Amino acid sequence: MSALKDLITAIETRSKFKASSVTANYNEKLGEYDVYSYNTIIAKFFGGRMVYFDDTSHSSTTSKLQHLLRANYTINAMRLNAPKTRVIHQL
């Protein structure tokens, strides 16, 4: 689980991250930090806030990543009554 904790640290510091199927990069031009599982974008952060989260069903590996992000960023689609794949905060 150390790699998952390292991902949260990378998100907070906008550092480049690569571990197994997870890649995360900061796009300085856009000010966005993107988290990918394999080649699928799972989350986008802007100014330290999550603005996009893909909550659709994927592989078990991607599901673990989604669960980690959900737990650390208190995402609950049922409570929000939001569509599965959604923009969390409009820019």
PDB file of N, CA and C in Angstrom:
ATOM      1  N   MET A   1       0.812  -1.198   0.000  1.00  0.00           N
ATOM      2  CA  MET A   1       0.000   0.000   0.000  1.00  0.00           C
ATOM      3  C   MET A   1       0.858   1.266   0.000  1.00  0.00           C
ATOM      4  N   SER A   2       2.146   1.130   0.135  1.00  0.00           N
ATOM      5  CA  SER A   2       3.030   2.289   0.152  1.00  0.00           C
ATOM      6  C   SER A   2       2.935   3.081  -1.148  1.00  0.00           C
ATOM      7  N   ALA A   3       2.814   2.378  -2.279  1.00  0.00           N
ATOM      8  CA  ALA A   3       2.710   3.071  -3.572  1.00  0.00           C
ATOM      9  C   ALA A   3       1.449   3.924  -3.624  1.00  0.00           C
ATOM     10  N   LEU A   4       0.357   3.457  -3.023  1.00  0.00           N
ATOM     11  CA  LEU A   4      -0.879   4.221  -3.017  1.00  0.00           C
ATOM     12  C   LEU A   4      -0.732   5.473  -2.154  1.00  0.00           C
ATOM     13  N   LYS A   5      -0.055   5.345  -1.025  1.00  0.00           N
ATOM     14  CA  LYS A   5       0.213   6.505  -0.177  1.00  0.00           C
ATOM     15  C   LYS A   5       1.112   7.486  -0.924  1.00  0.00           C
ATOM     16  N   ASP A   6       2.083   6.964  -1.656  1.00  0.00           N
ATOM     17  CA  ASP A   6       2.967   7.809  -2.456  1.00  0.00           C
ATOM     18  C   ASP A   6       2.189   8.569  -3.527  1.00  0.00           C
ATOM     19  N   LEU A   7       1.152   7.943  -4.080  1.00  0.00           N
ATOM     20  CA  LEU A   7       0.320   8.619  -5.076  1.00  0.00           C
ATOM     21  C   LEU A   7      -0.379   9.826  -4.457  1.00  0.00           C
ATOM     22  N   ILE A   8      -0.931   9.676  -3.276  1.00  0.00           N
ATOM     23  CA  ILE A   8      -1.608  10.789  -2.603  1.00  0.00           C
ATOM     24  C   ILE A   8      -0.619  11.924  -2.359  1.00  0.00           C
ATOM     25  N   THR A   9       0.591  11.588  -1.944  1.00  0.00           N
ATOM     26  CA  THR A   9       1.626  12.598  -1.744  1.00  0.00           C
ATOM     27  C   THR A   9       1.963  13.281  -3.066  1.00  0.00           C
ATOM     28  N   ALA A  10       2.069  12.502  -4.145  1.00  0.00           N
ATOM     29  CA  ALA A  10       2.370  13.060  -5.466  1.00  0.00           C
ATOM     30  C   ALA A  10       1.261  14.013  -5.914  1.00  0.00           C
ATOM     31  N   ILE A  11       0.015  13.654  -5.660  1.00  0.00           N
ATOM     32  CA  ILE A  11      -1.111  14.530  -6.019  1.00  0.00           C
ATOM     33  C   ILE A  11      -0.984  15.851  -5.264  1.00  0.00           C
ATOM     34  N   GLU A  12      -0.711  15.771  -3.987  1.00  0.00           N
ATOM     35  CA  GLU A  12      -0.621  16.976  -3.153  1.00  0.00           C
ATOM     36  C   GLU A  12       0.538  17.877  -3.558  1.00  0.00           C
ATOM     37  N   THR A  13       1.629  17.286  -4.030  1.00  0.00           N
ATOM     38  CA  THR A  13       2.811  18.071  -4.409  1.00  0.00           C
ATOM     39  C   THR A  13       2.924  18.281  -5.912  1.00  0.00           C
ATOM     40  N   ARG A  14       1.957  17.746  -6.663  1.00  0.00           N
ATOM     41  CA  ARG A  14       1.934  17.829  -8.133  1.00  0.00           C
ATOM     42  C   ARG A  14       3.209  17.263  -8.753  1.00  0.00           C
ATOM     43  N   SER A  15       3.652  16.152  -8.177  1.00  0.00           N
ATOM     44  CA  SER A  15       4.861  15.480  -8.658  1.00  0.00           C
ATOM     45  C   SER A  15       4.490  14.406  -9.674  1.00  0.00           C
ATOM     46  N   LYS A  16       5.412  14.130 -10.589  1.00  0.00           N
ATOM     47  CA  LYS A  16       5.223  13.040 -11.543  1.00  0.00           C
ATOM     48  C   LYS A  16       5.199  11.729 -10.765  1.00  0.00           C
ATOM     49  N   PHE A  17       4.328  10.809 -11.187  1.00  0.00           N
ATOM     50  CA  PHE A  17       4.188   9.550 -10.463  1.00  0.00           C
ATOM     51  C   PHE A  17       4.001   8.412 -11.450  1.00  0.00           C
ATOM     52  N   LYS A  18       4.676   7.272 -11.186  1.00  0.00           N
ATOM     53  CA  LYS A  18       4.529   6.067 -12.003  1.00  0.00           C
ATOM     54  C   LYS A  18       4.736   4.870 -11.104  1.00  0.00           C
ATOM     55  N   ALA A  19       3.728   3.996 -11.072  1.00  0.00           N
ATOM     56  CA  ALA A  19       3.828   2.752 -10.312  1.00  0.00           C
ATOM     57  C   ALA A  19       2.860   1.768 -10.921  1.00  0.00           C
ATOM     58  N   SER A  20       3.360   0.667 -11.383  1.00  0.00           N
ATOM     59  CA  SER A  20       2.528  -0.379 -11.958  1.00  0.00           C
ATOM     60  C   SER A  20       1.626   0.198 -13.040  1.00  0.00           C
ATOM     61  N   SER A  21       0.313   0.165 -12.848  1.00  0.00           N
ATOM     62  CA  SER A  21      -0.631   0.630 -13.871  1.00  0.00           C
ATOM     63  C   SER A  21      -1.007   2.099 -13.714  1.00  0.00           C
ATOM     64  N   VAL A  22      -0.494   2.759 -12.675  1.00  0.00           N
ATOM     65  CA  VAL A  22      -0.887   4.141 -12.379  1.00  0.00           C
ATOM     66  C   VAL A  22       0.187   5.118 -12.833  1.00  0.00           C
ATOM     67  N   THR A  23      -0.268   6.149 -13.534  1.00  0.00           N
ATOM     68  CA  THR A  23       0.609   7.237 -13.956  1.00  0.00           C
ATOM     69  C   THR A  23      -0.089   8.533 -13.596  1.00  0.00           C
ATOM     70  N   ALA A  24       0.668   9.505 -13.143  1.00  0.00           N
ATOM     71  CA  ALA A  24       0.098  10.809 -12.838  1.00  0.00           C
ATOM     72  C   ALA A  24       1.084  11.884 -13.261  1.00  0.00           C
ATOM     73  N   ASN A  25       0.553  12.928 -13.884  1.00  0.00           N
ATOM     74  CA  ASN A  25       1.390  14.010 -14.397  1.00  0.00           C
ATOM     75  C   ASN A  25       0.740  15.355 -14.161  1.00  0.00           C
ATOM     76  N   TYR A  26       1.582  16.356 -13.982  1.00  0.00           N
ATOM     77  CA  TYR A  26       1.107  17.727 -13.849  1.00  0.00           C
ATOM     78  C   TYR A  26       1.287  18.431 -15.182  1.00  0.00           C
ATOM     79  N   ASN A  27       0.215  19.016 -15.701  1.00  0.00           N
ATOM     80  CA  ASN A  27       0.259  19.796 -16.928  1.00  0.00           C
ATOM     81  C   ASN A  27       0.338  21.258 -16.518  1.00  0.00           C
ATOM     82  N   GLU A  28       1.549  21.793 -16.564  1.00  0.00           N
ATOM     83  CA  GLU A  28       1.789  23.150 -16.089  1.00  0.00           C
ATOM     84  C   GLU A  28       0.997  24.191 -16.879  1.00  0.00           C
ATOM     85  N   LYS A  29       0.874  24.000 -18.179  1.00  0.00           N
ATOM     86  CA  LYS A  29       0.128  24.946 -19.026  1.00  0.00           C
ATOM     87  C   LYS A  29      -1.324  25.089 -18.573  1.00  0.00           C
ATOM     88  N   LEU A  30      -1.963  23.947 -18.299  1.00  0.00           N
ATOM     89  CA  LEU A  30      -3.371  23.946 -17.898  1.00  0.00           C
ATOM     90  C   LEU A  30      -3.562  24.051 -16.392  1.00  0.00           C
ATOM     91  N   GLY A  31      -2.496  23.796 -15.636  1.00  0.00           N
ATOM     92  CA  GLY A  31      -2.616  23.795 -14.184  1.00  0.00           C
ATOM     93  C   GLY A  31      -3.364  22.586 -13.662  1.00  0.00           C
ATOM     94  N   GLU A  32      -3.387  21.514 -14.453  1.00  0.00           N
ATOM     95  CA  GLU A  32      -4.125  20.303 -14.091  1.00  0.00           C
ATOM     96  C   GLU A  32      -3.167  19.175 -13.738  1.00  0.00           C
ATOM     97  N   TYR A  33      -3.595  18.376 -12.791  1.00  0.00           N
ATOM     98  CA  TYR A  33      -2.870  17.171 -12.423  1.00  0.00           C
ATOM     99  C   TYR A  33      -3.776  16.001 -12.756  1.00  0.00           C
ATOM    100  N   ASP A  34      -3.323  15.129 -13.655  1.00  0.00           N
ATOM    101  CA  ASP A  34      -4.139  14.022 -14.156  1.00  0.00           C
ATOM    102  C   ASP A  34      -3.627  12.687 -13.650  1.00  0.00           C
ATOM    103  N   VAL A  35      -4.562  11.831 -13.214  1.00  0.00           N
ATOM    104  CA  VAL A  35      -4.231  10.493 -12.729  1.00  0.00           C
ATOM    105  C   VAL A  35      -4.829   9.482 -13.701  1.00  0.00           C
ATOM    106  N   TYR A  36      -3.976   8.596 -14.212  1.00  0.00           N
ATOM    107  CA  TYR A  36      -4.382   7.576 -15.175  1.00  0.00           C
ATOM    108  C   TYR A  36      -4.220   6.184 -14.579  1.00  0.00           C
ATOM    109  N   SER A  37      -5.120   5.303 -14.956  1.00  0.00           N
ATOM    110  CA  SER A  37      -4.954   3.884 -14.700  1.00  0.00           C
ATOM    111  C   SER A  37      -4.865   3.250 -16.075  1.00  0.00           C
ATOM    112  N   TYR A  38      -3.744   2.617 -16.328  1.00  0.00           N
ATOM    113  CA  TYR A  38      -3.421   2.168 -17.682  1.00  0.00           C
ATOM    114  C   TYR A  38      -3.494   3.400 -18.576  1.00  0.00           C
ATOM    115  N   ASN A  39      -4.346   3.461 -19.561  1.00  0.00           N
ATOM    116  CA  ASN A  39      -4.446   4.643 -20.418  1.00  0.00           C
ATOM    117  C   ASN A  39      -5.746   5.406 -20.210  1.00  0.00           C
ATOM    118  N   THR A  40      -6.446   5.120 -19.124  1.00  0.00           N
ATOM    119  CA  THR A  40      -7.729   5.762 -18.840  1.00  0.00           C
ATOM    120  C   THR A  40      -7.562   6.819 -17.767  1.00  0.00           C
ATOM    121  N   ILE A  41      -8.022   8.014 -18.058  1.00  0.00           N
ATOM    122  CA  ILE A  41      -7.957   9.061 -17.043  1.00  0.00           C
ATOM    123  C   ILE A  41      -9.030   8.786 -15.985  1.00  0.00           C
ATOM    124  N   ILE A  42      -8.595   8.740 -14.747  1.00  0.00           N
ATOM    125  CA  ILE A  42      -9.474   8.416 -13.629  1.00  0.00           C
ATOM    126  C   ILE A  42      -9.841   9.674 -12.848  1.00  0.00           C
ATOM    127  N   ALA A  43      -8.892  10.608 -12.745  1.00  0.00           N
ATOM    128  CA  ALA A  43      -9.160  11.823 -11.966  1.00  0.00           C
ATOM    129  C   ALA A  43      -8.341  12.985 -12.501  1.00  0.00           C
ATOM    130  N   LYS A  44      -8.915  14.190 -12.332  1.00  0.00           N
ATOM    131  CA  LYS A  44      -8.226  15.440 -12.650  1.00  0.00           C
ATOM    132  C   LYS A  44      -8.303  16.332 -11.427  1.00  0.00           C
ATOM    133  N   PHE A  45      -7.202  16.998 -11.151  1.00  0.00           N
ATOM    134  CA  PHE A  45      -7.144  17.946 -10.046  1.00  0.00           C
ATOM    135  C   PHE A  45      -6.762  19.315 -10.600  1.00  0.00           C
ATOM    136  N   PHE A  46      -7.342  20.332 -10.032  1.00  0.00           N
ATOM    137  CA  PHE A  46      -7.022  21.702 -10.410  1.00  0.00           C
ATOM    138  C   PHE A  46      -6.939  22.507  -9.121  1.00  0.00           C
ATOM    139  N   GLY A  47      -5.781  23.131  -8.913  1.00  0.00           N
ATOM    140  CA  GLY A  47      -5.611  23.905  -7.683  1.00  0.00           C
ATOM    141  C   GLY A  47      -5.767  23.081  -6.423  1.00  0.00           C
ATOM    142  N   GLY A  48      -5.368  21.818  -6.482  1.00  0.00           N
ATOM    143  CA  GLY A  48      -5.447  20.958  -5.313  1.00  0.00           C
ATOM    144  C   GLY A  48      -6.827  20.356  -5.065  1.00  0.00           C
ATOM    145  N   ARG A  49      -7.800  20.682  -5.920  1.00  0.00           N
ATOM    146  CA  ARG A  49      -9.155  20.137  -5.766  1.00  0.00           C
ATOM    147  C   ARG A  49      -9.458  19.184  -6.906  1.00  0.00           C
ATOM    148  N   MET A  50     -10.115  18.087  -6.568  1.00  0.00           N
ATOM    149  CA  MET A  50     -10.520  17.147  -7.615  1.00  0.00           C
ATOM    150  C   MET A  50     -11.682  17.767  -8.391  1.00  0.00           C
ATOM    151  N   VAL A  51     -11.520  17.845  -9.717  1.00  0.00           N
ATOM    152  CA  VAL A  51     -12.566  18.437 -10.550  1.00  0.00           C
ATOM    153  C   VAL A  51     -13.217  17.417 -11.475  1.00  0.00           C
ATOM    154  N   TYR A  52     -12.625  16.229 -11.563  1.00  0.00           N
ATOM    155  CA  TYR A  52     -13.178  15.174 -12.414  1.00  0.00           C
ATOM    156  C   TYR A  52     -12.840  13.829 -11.793  1.00  0.00           C
ATOM    157  N   PHE A  53     -13.798  12.913 -11.819  1.00  0.00           N
ATOM    158  CA  PHE A  53     -13.571  11.559 -11.326  1.00  0.00           C
ATOM    159  C   PHE A  53     -14.368  10.586 -12.175  1.00  0.00           C
ATOM    160  N   ASP A  54     -13.696   9.565 -12.699  1.00  0.00           N
ATOM    161  CA  ASP A  54     -14.345   8.526 -13.499  1.00  0.00           C
ATOM    162  C   ASP A  54     -14.747   7.396 -12.561  1.00  0.00           C
ATOM    163  N   ASP A  55     -16.034   7.240 -12.352  1.00  0.00           N
ATOM    164  CA  ASP A  55     -16.537   6.235 -11.419  1.00  0.00           C
ATOM    165  C   ASP A  55     -17.161   5.056 -12.162  1.00  0.00           C
ATOM    166  N   THR A  56     -16.832   4.916 -13.451  1.00  0.00           N
ATOM    167  CA  THR A  56     -17.376   3.791 -14.198  1.00  0.00           C
ATOM    168  C   THR A  56     -16.588   2.530 -13.885  1.00  0.00           C
ATOM    169  N   SER A  57     -17.170   1.385 -14.161  1.00  0.00           N
ATOM    170  CA  SER A  57     -16.549   0.099 -13.860  1.00  0.00           C
ATOM    171  C   SER A  57     -15.389  -0.184 -14.814  1.00  0.00           C
ATOM    172  N   HIS A  58     -14.276  -0.574 -14.226  1.00  0.00           N
ATOM    173  CA  HIS A  58     -13.071  -0.929 -14.980  1.00  0.00           C
ATOM    174  C   HIS A  58     -12.501  -2.220 -14.399  1.00  0.00           C
ATOM    175  N   SER A  59     -11.239  -2.474 -14.640  1.00  0.00           N
ATOM    176  CA  SER A  59     -10.568  -3.672 -14.109  1.00  0.00           C
ATOM    177  C   SER A  59     -10.486  -3.609 -12.589  1.00  0.00           C
ATOM    178  N   SER A  60     -10.138  -4.725 -11.978  1.00  0.00           N
ATOM    179  CA  SER A  60     -10.011  -4.758 -10.511  1.00  0.00           C
ATOM    180  C   SER A  60      -8.877  -3.838 -10.051  1.00  0.00           C
ATOM    181  N   THR A  61      -7.822  -3.727 -10.837  1.00  0.00           N
ATOM    182  CA  THR A  61      -6.711  -2.836 -10.492  1.00  0.00           C
ATOM    183  C   THR A  61      -7.173  -1.386 -10.494  1.00  0.00           C
ATOM    184  N   THR A  62      -7.909  -1.003 -11.529  1.00  0.00           N
ATOM    185  CA  THR A  62      -8.422   0.362 -11.614  1.00  0.00           C
ATOM    186  C   THR A  62      -9.445   0.614 -10.511  1.00  0.00           C
ATOM    187  N   SER A  63     -10.240  -0.382 -10.189  1.00  0.00           N
ATOM    188  CA  SER A  63     -11.213  -0.247  -9.105  1.00  0.00           C
ATOM    189  C   SER A  63     -10.530   0.049  -7.773  1.00  0.00           C
ATOM    190  N   LYS A  64      -9.378  -0.565  -7.531  1.00  0.00           N
ATOM    191  CA  LYS A  64      -8.628  -0.298  -6.306  1.00  0.00           C
ATOM    192  C   LYS A  64      -8.177   1.158  -6.265  1.00  0.00           C
ATOM    193  N   LEU A  65      -7.711   1.660  -7.405  1.00  0.00           N
ATOM    194  CA  LEU A  65      -7.295   3.051  -7.496  1.00  0.00           C
ATOM    195  C   LEU A  65      -8.488   3.979  -7.255  1.00  0.00           C
ATOM    196  N   GLN A  66      -9.612   3.658  -7.863  1.00  0.00           N
ATOM    197  CA  GLN A  66     -10.819   4.465  -7.668  1.00  0.00           C
ATOM    198  C   GLN A  66     -11.227   4.468  -6.198  1.00  0.00           C
ATOM    199  N   HIS A  67     -11.123   3.318  -5.563  1.00  0.00           N
ATOM    200  CA  HIS A  67     -11.476   3.214  -4.144  1.00  0.00           C
ATOM    201  C   HIS A  67     -10.551   4.099  -3.300  1.00  0.00           C
ATOM    202  N   LEU A  68      -9.262   4.069  -3.584  1.00  0.00           N
ATOM    203  CA  LEU A  68      -8.296   4.900  -2.860  1.00  0.00           C
ATOM    204  C   LEU A  68      -8.647   6.379  -3.010  1.00  0.00           C
ATOM    205  N   LEU A  69      -8.901   6.796  -4.235  1.00  0.00           N
ATOM    206  CA  LEU A  69      -9.231   8.201  -4.472  1.00  0.00           C
ATOM    207  C   LEU A  69     -10.544   8.576  -3.790  1.00  0.00           C
ATOM    208  N   ARG A  70     -11.515   7.681  -3.884  1.00  0.00           N
ATOM    209  CA  ARG A  70     -12.809   7.913  -3.244  1.00  0.00           C
ATOM    210  C   ARG A  70     -12.631   8.088  -1.727  1.00  0.00           C
ATOM    211  N   ALA A  71     -11.819   7.241  -1.133  1.00  0.00           N
ATOM    212  CA  ALA A  71     -11.596   7.288   0.314  1.00  0.00           C
ATOM    213  C   ALA A  71     -10.856   8.557   0.741  1.00  0.00           C
ATOM    214  N   ASN A  72      -9.913   9.001  -0.068  1.00  0.00           N
ATOM    215  CA  ASN A  72      -9.110  10.163   0.297  1.00  0.00           C
ATOM    216  C   ASN A  72      -9.753  11.492  -0.074  1.00  0.00           C
ATOM    217  N   TYR A  73     -10.682  11.459  -0.985  1.00  0.00           N
ATOM    218  CA  TYR A  73     -11.298  12.705  -1.439  1.00  0.00           C
ATOM    219  C   TYR A  73     -12.808  12.697  -1.236  1.00  0.00           C
ATOM    220  N   THR A  74     -13.309  11.836  -0.371  1.00  0.00           N
ATOM    221  CA  THR A  74     -14.726  11.717  -0.008  1.00  0.00           C
ATOM    222  C   THR A  74     -15.678  11.895  -1.184  1.00  0.00           C
ATOM    223  N   ILE A  75     -15.572  10.991  -2.131  1.00  0.00           N
ATOM    224  CA  ILE A  75     -16.440  10.972  -3.300  1.00  0.00           C
ATOM    225  C   ILE A  75     -17.520   9.937  -3.051  1.00  0.00           C
ATOM    226  N   ASN A  76     -18.747  10.309  -3.258  1.00  0.00           N
ATOM    227  CA  ASN A  76     -19.852   9.392  -3.065  1.00  0.00           C
ATOM    228  C   ASN A  76     -20.937   9.747  -4.075  1.00  0.00           C
ATOM    229  N   ALA A  77     -20.957   9.058  -5.210  1.00  0.00           N
ATOM    230  CA  ALA A  77     -21.883   9.369  -6.292  1.00  0.00           C
ATOM    231  C   ALA A  77     -23.329   9.223  -5.850  1.00  0.00           C
ATOM    232  N   MET A  78     -23.608   8.257  -4.990  1.00  0.00           N
ATOM    233  CA  MET A  78     -24.985   8.060  -4.548  1.00  0.00           C
ATOM    234  C   MET A  78     -25.460   9.271  -3.731  1.00  0.00           C
ATOM    235  N   ARG A  79     -24.617   9.740  -2.849  1.00  0.00           N
ATOM    236  CA  ARG A  79     -24.980  10.884  -2.009  1.00  0.00           C
ATOM    237  C   ARG A  79     -25.155  12.139  -2.864  1.00  0.00           C
ATOM    238  N   LEU A  80     -24.291  12.301  -3.861  1.00  0.00           N
ATOM    239  CA  LEU A  80     -24.358  13.474  -4.719  1.00  0.00           C
ATOM    240  C   LEU A  80     -25.455  13.368  -5.769  1.00  0.00           C
ATOM    241  N   ASN A  81     -25.996  12.168  -5.945  1.00  0.00           N
ATOM    242  CA  ASN A  81     -26.968  11.910  -6.995  1.00  0.00           C
ATOM    243  C   ASN A  81     -26.425  12.371  -8.342  1.00  0.00           C
ATOM    244  N   ALA A  82     -25.156  12.057  -8.574  1.00  0.00           N
ATOM    245  CA  ALA A  82     -24.460  12.496  -9.781  1.00  0.00           C
ATOM    246  C   ALA A  82     -24.316  11.339 -10.749  1.00  0.00           C
ATOM    247  N   PRO A  83     -24.161  11.649 -12.041  1.00  0.00           N
ATOM    248  CA  PRO A  83     -23.892  10.573 -12.993  1.00  0.00           C
ATOM    249  C   PRO A  83     -22.569   9.891 -12.650  1.00  0.00           C
ATOM    250  N   LYS A  84     -22.395   8.674 -13.114  1.00  0.00           N
ATOM    251  CA  LYS A  84     -21.201   7.897 -12.770  1.00  0.00           C
ATOM    252  C   LYS A  84     -19.895   8.600 -13.149  1.00  0.00           C
ATOM    253  N   THR A  85     -19.774   9.072 -14.363  1.00  0.00           N
ATOM    254  CA  THR A  85     -18.582   9.813 -14.768  1.00  0.00           C
ATOM    255  C   THR A  85     -18.978  11.273 -14.755  1.00  0.00           C
ATOM    256  N   ARG A  86     -18.267  12.059 -13.989  1.00  0.00           N
ATOM    257  CA  ARG A  86     -18.758  13.420 -13.790  1.00  0.00           C
ATOM    258  C   ARG A  86     -17.649  14.424 -13.553  1.00  0.00           C
ATOM    259  N   VAL A  87     -18.010  15.653 -13.770  1.00  0.00           N
ATOM    260  CA  VAL A  87     -17.181  16.782 -13.364  1.00  0.00           C
ATOM    261  C   VAL A  87     -17.644  17.129 -11.963  1.00  0.00           C
ATOM    262  N   ILE A  88     -16.719  17.172 -11.029  1.00  0.00           N
ATOM    263  CA  ILE A  88     -17.076  17.429  -9.646  1.00  0.00           C
ATOM    264  C   ILE A  88     -17.210  18.925  -9.389  1.00  0.00           C
ATOM    265  N   HIS A  89     -16.336  19.709  -9.990  1.00  0.00           N
ATOM    266  CA  HIS A  89     -16.341  21.142  -9.750  1.00  0.00           C
ATOM    267  C   HIS A  89     -16.076  21.848 -11.073  1.00  0.00           C
ATOM    268  N   GLN A  90     -16.954  22.700 -11.481  1.00  0.00           N
ATOM    269  CA  GLN A  90     -16.758  23.446 -12.722  1.00  0.00           C
ATOM    270  C   GLN A  90     -15.622  24.435 -12.539  1.00  0.00           C
ATOM    271  N   LEU A  91     -14.767  24.549 -13.544  1.00  0.00           N
ATOM    272  CA  LEU A  91     -13.655  25.512 -13.479  1.00  0.00           C
ATOM    273  C   LEU A  91     -14.141  26.882 -13.840  1.00  0.00           C
TER     274      LEU A  91
END
